Amino acid sequence: MKSTLRLLIPLLALISVFSACHTTKSGNALVPRAVFLDDPYIGDWDFVIKDMPSGDAKGILYIEREGYAYRGSVAVDNGETDINKLSIEESRMRGYFKYKGFKVNVKGVFEGDTFEGKVGVTLISYPFVATKRNASVSAD
């Protein structure tokens, strides 16, 4: 009985480890099951960069997810650029994008359907506020 119990305990531990790390095959990549749950950061966000010398700048912040990593970009009237080294952890986002040859840092905090933070170059920063667009599907 003791030898059976000694074999059974490691086997149960191994089964629990595999079941906790369950993944689902999607195409050619294994995607964690948690990715399919609602992710509050994914989507399109209307943003305003306030109090700039040329006035407020408006655009769209796009956030998506590939496996465990987030990808994002910002779009304004004259184009779109990727956000590099984008990370979102515990409702905090940080990364940077290039604009007219400058590295523009962006960081802030998500709270529900809003994001508040700053964008900045070297010693100058401006308030960055975004609101998530509600994706509504019509029943036509």
Protein backbone atom coordinates (compact mmCIF):
# COMPACT_ATOMS: atom_id res chain seq x y z
CA MET A 1 0.00 0.00 0.00
CA LYS A 2 2.80 2.42 0.89
CA SER A 3 4.61 1.76 -2.39
CA THR A 4 1.40 2.38 -4.36
CA LEU A 5 0.85 5.64 -2.48
CA ARG A 6 4.45 6.72 -3.17
CA LEU A 7 3.85 6.24 -6.90
CA LEU A 8 0.40 7.81 -6.89
CA ILE A 9 1.36 11.14 -5.26
CA PRO A 10 3.95 12.14 -7.91
CA LEU A 11 1.57 11.02 -10.65
CA LEU A 12 -1.23 13.24 -9.27
CA ALA A 13 1.19 16.16 -8.97
CA LEU A 14 2.25 15.69 -12.59
CA ILE A 15 -1.37 15.55 -13.78
CA SER A 16 -2.22 18.77 -11.93
CA VAL A 17 0.77 20.55 -13.49
CA PHE A 18 -0.27 19.53 -17.00
CA SER A 19 -3.90 20.47 -16.48
CA ALA A 20 -2.92 23.93 -15.14
CA CYS A 21 -0.84 24.57 -18.26
CA HIS A 22 -3.52 23.49 -20.73
CA THR A 23 -3.23 25.06 -24.17
CA THR A 24 -5.39 24.95 -27.25
CA LYS A 25 -3.98 24.46 -30.73
CA SER A 26 -4.87 27.42 -32.96
CA GLY A 27 -3.43 27.17 -36.46
CA ASN A 28 0.25 26.29 -36.15
CA ALA A 29 0.79 27.89 -32.74
CA LEU A 30 -0.16 26.79 -29.27
CA VAL A 31 -2.17 29.54 -27.63
CA PRO A 32 -2.84 29.59 -23.89
CA ARG A 33 -6.47 29.01 -22.99
CA ALA A 34 -6.52 32.26 -20.95
CA VAL A 35 -5.96 34.29 -24.13
CA PHE A 36 -9.46 33.40 -25.26
CA LEU A 37 -11.01 34.99 -22.18
CA ASP A 38 -12.04 38.65 -22.32
CA ASP A 39 -8.94 40.81 -22.15
CA PRO A 40 -9.84 44.36 -21.05
CA TYR A 41 -6.88 45.95 -22.86
CA ILE A 42 -7.47 44.57 -26.36
CA GLY A 43 -9.31 46.90 -28.69
CA ASP A 44 -9.36 50.38 -30.17
CA TRP A 45 -8.88 53.36 -27.89
CA ASP A 46 -9.58 57.00 -28.86
CA PHE A 47 -6.83 59.13 -27.39
CA VAL A 48 -5.95 62.77 -26.81
CA ILE A 49 -2.48 64.08 -26.03
CA LYS A 50 -3.21 67.31 -24.18
CA ASP A 51 -1.52 70.68 -23.76
CA MET A 52 1.01 70.36 -26.57
CA PRO A 53 2.42 73.60 -28.05
CA SER A 54 0.60 72.91 -31.34
CA GLY A 55 -2.64 72.02 -29.52
CA ASP A 56 -4.20 68.73 -28.54
CA ALA A 57 -3.37 65.73 -30.72
CA LYS A 58 -6.06 63.11 -31.31
CA GLY A 59 -5.79 59.59 -32.67
CA ILE A 60 -6.42 55.92 -32.08
CA LEU A 61 -4.45 53.49 -29.93
CA TYR A 62 -4.75 49.91 -31.21
CA ILE A 63 -3.95 47.03 -28.85
CA GLU A 64 -4.00 43.33 -29.76
CA ARG A 65 -2.50 40.18 -28.38
CA GLU A 66 -0.48 37.35 -29.90
CA GLY A 67 -0.08 34.51 -27.44
CA TYR A 68 1.40 36.02 -24.30
CA ALA A 69 2.62 39.26 -25.91
CA TYR A 70 0.77 42.48 -26.60
CA ARG A 71 1.20 44.44 -29.82
CA GLY A 72 0.08 47.98 -30.33
CA SER A 73 0.20 51.01 -32.57
CA VAL A 74 -0.89 54.62 -32.58
CA ALA A 75 -2.58 56.25 -35.56
CA VAL A 76 -2.97 59.96 -36.21
CA ASP A 77 -4.04 61.89 -39.32
CA ASN A 78 -0.64 61.60 -40.98
CA GLY A 79 0.01 57.89 -40.37
CA GLU A 80 0.39 54.97 -38.02
CA THR A 81 3.40 53.71 -36.07
CA ASP A 82 4.02 50.61 -33.96
CA ILE A 83 4.56 50.77 -30.23
CA ASN A 84 7.86 49.05 -29.47
CA LYS A 85 8.51 46.95 -26.35
CA LEU A 86 4.86 47.23 -25.37
CA SER A 87 4.15 45.67 -22.00
CA ILE A 88 0.97 45.59 -19.95
CA GLU A 89 1.25 44.23 -16.44
CA GLU A 90 -1.15 44.76 -13.54
CA SER A 91 -3.08 47.45 -15.47
CA ARG A 92 0.12 49.39 -16.24
CA MET A 93 1.23 49.93 -19.82
CA ARG A 94 4.57 51.10 -21.10
CA GLY A 95 6.40 51.22 -24.41
CA TYR A 96 7.65 53.68 -26.98
CA PHE A 97 7.09 54.69 -30.57
CA LYS A 98 9.05 56.69 -33.10
CA TYR A 99 7.68 60.02 -34.29
CA LYS A 100 9.61 62.31 -36.64
CA GLY A 101 12.86 60.64 -35.59
CA PHE A 102 12.19 60.97 -31.86
CA LYS A 103 11.68 58.14 -29.39
CA VAL A 104 8.38 58.94 -27.65
CA ASN A 105 7.83 57.06 -24.39
CA VAL A 106 4.30 56.22 -23.35
CA LYS A 107 3.23 54.92 -19.95
CA GLY A 108 0.13 54.93 -17.84
CA VAL A 109 -2.61 52.98 -16.12
CA PHE A 110 -5.81 51.35 -17.34
CA GLU A 111 -8.90 51.68 -15.20
CA GLY A 112 -11.98 50.11 -16.76
CA ASP A 113 -12.56 51.69 -20.17
CA THR A 114 -10.09 54.54 -19.63
CA PHE A 115 -6.35 54.94 -19.81
CA GLU A 116 -4.47 57.82 -18.21
CA GLY A 117 -0.78 58.39 -18.59
CA LYS A 118 1.91 60.47 -20.22
CA VAL A 119 3.84 60.58 -23.46
CA GLY A 120 7.23 62.20 -23.44
CA VAL A 121 10.54 62.89 -25.08
CA THR A 122 13.57 63.40 -22.81
CA LEU A 123 12.47 65.97 -20.18
CA ILE A 124 9.14 67.01 -21.75
CA SER A 125 5.92 65.07 -21.23
CA TYR A 126 2.23 65.60 -21.95
CA PRO A 127 -0.94 64.03 -20.55
CA PHE A 128 -2.19 61.07 -22.60
CA VAL A 129 -5.84 60.09 -22.06
CA ALA A 130 -7.68 57.33 -23.93
CA THR A 131 -11.19 55.88 -23.89
CA LYS A 132 -11.99 52.42 -25.20
CA ARG A 133 -14.35 52.23 -28.14
CA ASN A 134 -17.35 50.03 -27.52
CA ALA A 135 -17.59 47.42 -30.24
CA SER A 136 -21.27 47.00 -30.98
CA VAL A 137 -22.52 44.37 -33.37
CA SER A 138 -25.74 45.13 -35.15
CA ALA A 139 -28.38 42.42 -35.37
CA ASP A 140 -29.39 43.18 -38.98
